[in-house]
Amino acid sequence: MKKNLLYICFLILSISSYSQNQANWWFFGNNAGLDFNTGTPIPNNLGQLSTNEGCASIADACGALLFYTDGITVWNQNHIVMPNGMNLLGDPSSSQSALIIPQPDTPDLYYIFTVGDFNPRNGLNYSVVDMTLNGGLGDIIPSQKNVNLIADSTEKVAAAVTDNGDAWIVTYAEDVIGSGLFDTFYAFKLTSSGMDLSATVTSTFNNVQADDRRGYLRISPDGSKIAIMTQLPVTPGIVGQTGRGAWLFDFDNSTGLVSNSVRLNFPLTHQAYGAEFSPDSRKIYVDINTQSNGNDGDRILLQYNLDAPNFEDNPLTIYSTDPTDFTDDVARGALQIGPDNKIYYSRKSTQWLSVINDPDQLGAASNFMFDGVQVATGTQVNEGLPPFYNAFFNPSFSFIEACETDASQFFADDIANCPGSSVIWDFGDPSSGLNNTSTLPDPTHIYNNAGTFNVTLSIDTIRGNYTTSKEITIVPQPVTNTVSDIIICDDMSNDGIATLDLVPIRSTVLGSQSSTDFQVTIHETLTDAQNDFNALPDSYDAVSGTYYARLDSSVSNGCYAITAFDIIINPLPIINNIDDLYLCDIDNDNVENFDLNIAGLQALGTQDPIVFDISYHNSMGDAMSNSNSISSFYDNNTINESIWLRIENVNNTNCYAIDNFTINLIQQPEINLLNDYELCDDESNDGIENFDLSTMDAQVLGNQPSTFVISYHNSMMEAEQNINALPNNIDSGTTMIWARLENNQQQVCYTIEPLQITVFPHPVVDLPEDITKCVDDVVTIAASPGFDQYSWDSGETTRSINAQAAGNYTVTVTDDNGCTDTETITVSNYETTVITNIEVRQFTLRDNRLEVSVTGSGPWEYSIDNFFYQSSPVFANLLPGYYDVYVRSLNGCDQITAPATIIAAPNFFTPNQDGFHDYWQVIAIETEPDAQIFIFDRFGKLLKQLSPTGIGWDGTYNGNPMPSTDYWFKVVLNDGQSFRGHFSLKR
């Protein structure tokens, strides 16, 4: 799109204009007041403030009082304190405690700038009065009260209108805040939008260092000069004191910069306090005094003619006291220009103001009057007078000149709209006939020919006539050349903002026209272009949209033409990170069909696919030139192949980006048919066995890389989804599971195969109960039938075997599933019967007994005649004598015999040689040939020792028959046993 919109019109602006009427009300000293609305100052006692020095007041454009202040309290037009109008940070003892400035181009808003004195050090602050508050009587906006601009300053503040209608607020302060050395001008800008702190300007003078805060700061009515007064004696050359006295500087009201310091010299016995410029800004009046503390002293009023050579050293004395007469001494005081262009001079503790009636004149011609104006009875003049904005003392007009044949706009001072005022314009264009004049306050005029014209405005007011003239220049119509749409790519941020060099565009608009006569500015909006606001810099961060080029005459501010053009910023594609593509080589033939759009969509990300095209290429060169594109469904040429991707803006193919990625083939795993995994059940025969699946890994993997991942799953679905993998060891019955073999290098390639696992029943073999036999017997052992194989630990493979030797005989059987069972039988021999002892009870005749002890495999039967057998091993009530004891086992394996003897002593014997019982001998003692036999009488006398093998005792002792009676015996056997008893000898 191309636009060539030509605007030949005047600049539509709200122009700031001020009139002297805004300085028509003065309140100062102790309740003193003056009203200048009649043209002559009329004293009054309406004022409520009482101050030694600082004060300020403001009226509207027609002279109606708005409010006034001492820098601490604000009174409205009814002389009542505004509801929020207390505790401002000025001070009655501050030279210029307050200054009131209207906000430019903003009705009803007024800024009160305050400066305190040294205790406390409040610095420069401002508060904003909104006249729409409190029923139109005004009040301070709470959020804009005592807003600090600088932490510390002197007691000086002044204001000057800028070249574009803004206001500079100027104070003198420290370059290093807190140092106590005042050497720097601070110029703060007040605009139609409020305080613009980014526009603050500082000007530092190392040779003008002051250590005292007191004294006035003044800006000339034309805004070209600044003067400062500083108390205490002038002592040049001493650090911190070089700035004492009076100083004059140049002021640039377009930049706020202060330059060219000049000392205004006067007698060293005096000190400077008040000052004021003449209405024509060519003279400055300085008040000096021998006292700096407000006490009476010798006083001099000096006039410096700024047009005279060496004016700083040659002041003219306008007034002075008599140094020899202390009765005429006067304290220091302020000087202030009035709405009547006279300068008023304060005289402390009196009811009088002195007046300089013609301050533009030199010396005595200035017409100084000592008793100029008397204030109302009951009020009093002190040191200070209210300072005013320099814009209030230059009734004038403003204008916006247009090109030839267009209407130029003129604006009269606001005083022209006050009751009783009238205007007449002379546009200096006689060729326009009756249109050369106008009685409208804000008329327009069309100049049909280019040239320079002298415009005069005459304003008649109730106080007199004001006439002012200005030259304006009307220039030929500028011609804008067409600008083609600017189509560019966004930068890497892709935020719709791109840096653009506007210099070539301005050159295009200018074309062949002279850059001396015309200048081109670029603007974001038509309104900005028409008002010449917010011109864009050479290097500009542009967004898509319509822009406006303004072609201005360098001579005339109001002559311009506007053309429009579009800046189109096409989004630059941003390639997001692209993952390489991988496919499983299904047939393992090294070729697969890749969907390159997967990478394309990833590269595009959230960018609009309608705005961007994607193409694919085999080389970087093809991608850059957008040639030889390949299909998005692409059969690879190699296993690993690089592909280049290009994303371009469909509306601007110069906006593109390229990148590459790799397509890769991944080996497809294969699983050969798997053998069933079979296990025999254990002896529990519960149909569940533990399977170690890792034993199948080698069969699943085959000859493929060991990096492949093997897993097992309960179902095909779980194997496909690779979920719920089984552990290596599982307890399972007969079932089907699935093996998964996966190659997971960047891309998951896998295959699955079923695996049958089977649990065979556990076979059970039976053998007879354990066998016990006689040592020489042979027995047959037979396993249960029905098995494919029998294997005995003795080496036989028959179902049954013969066994003679005692021991364990184990058989292992195998069924047709290959499952085995093992059983063991024990063959044992009966133990051989052994008579280990025959216990004999003897030496009795009828109570003798035998008890047989036997080892071996019982039970047994016992006999002493081999005919009758008993189960008891005890034979009782036996006669002494010889016995054979028989023992046989009931298992029929053996029978053994052992002899036994019962020894006993007879109860009597009859040695009468009748052949019966003729000898007494221990029965069967011969079986103990080593036994000892002793016979005693009743008194214990040994009568005879018998031999076990002898015939016995014949009843004699030493050959003599012993009498019939009882005798005693003792028998000691081989094993140490001994028996005692007695028997009877009968004859």
Foldseek 3Di string as FASTA:
>chain_A
DWWFFWDFAFFDDLAFFAAQLQQQWWAAAFQWIWGCLLVDTDIDNQADDHAQAAKAFTAHRNNQGQWIDRLAFIAGSNNHTAPQGGGGAFHSPQNHQWAKDAQFPDPQKIKIWGAYAVVPFAAIFIWIWGCPPPVSSIHTDVVRGRHDDDRGFASEWAWEAAPRGKIWIWTWGDPDPPPLWTFKIWTWIRHNVGTDRVLIDMEGDQQQIANHRAAYWDAALVRFKIKTFGFDFQDGPDGRRSNHGMWMWTAHRHRRYTHDIDHQDDDRQWGWHAKDAQNVRQKMKIKIFNDDPQDWGKIWIWIFGNVDPVSSDDTATQDIDDNVDSVPTFGAAYWEQHSSRKIWTFTAPAQAIWIQCQRVDDHCVSPTGRRDDGHDPPGTTHHYIHYHYSSHRDFDKDWAATAAQYKIKIAGRPNCVHPQKWKKKQFQACVVPPQRMDTDRIDIGHHNDWDKGKMKMWMQHSNGIDIDIDIATHHHAQAFAIDEAAEEEADPVLPQWHKDQCVVVFCNRNPPPDCVQKGKFKADDPSCLSNVHDTADRIHGDGWDKIKMWIDTPRGRTYIIIIIHTYHYQYFQAFDDFAAAEDEPVVPPFKDWAQQVVRVCNGRDPPDCVQKDKFKDQDPVCQVVVPDTDDSGDIDDGQKGKMKMKIAGPVDRVRIDMDIHIYHYDYAADADAFDAAEEEDPPVQPQKDKAQQVVCVCNRRPPHDPQKDKFKAADPVCLVVVPDTDDRIDIDGWDKIKMKTWDPPVHTHIDIHIHTYHYHGADDKDKDAAAEEAQADKDKIFIDDDFPWKAKPVGDTDRMDIDRDWAKIKIWTAHPVRHIDMDIHTYHYWFDKDFPDWDWDAQDAFWIKIATDIDIHADKWKDFVVPDTHSGRMGTRDGFAKTKMKIDHPSRRDIDIDIDGHKHWDQEAELPPPPGRQFTAIPPLVVQQPKWKFKAAPVRHTQDIDGSPDPHHRQAGPPHHDDWDKIKMWMAGPVGDIDIDIHTYDD
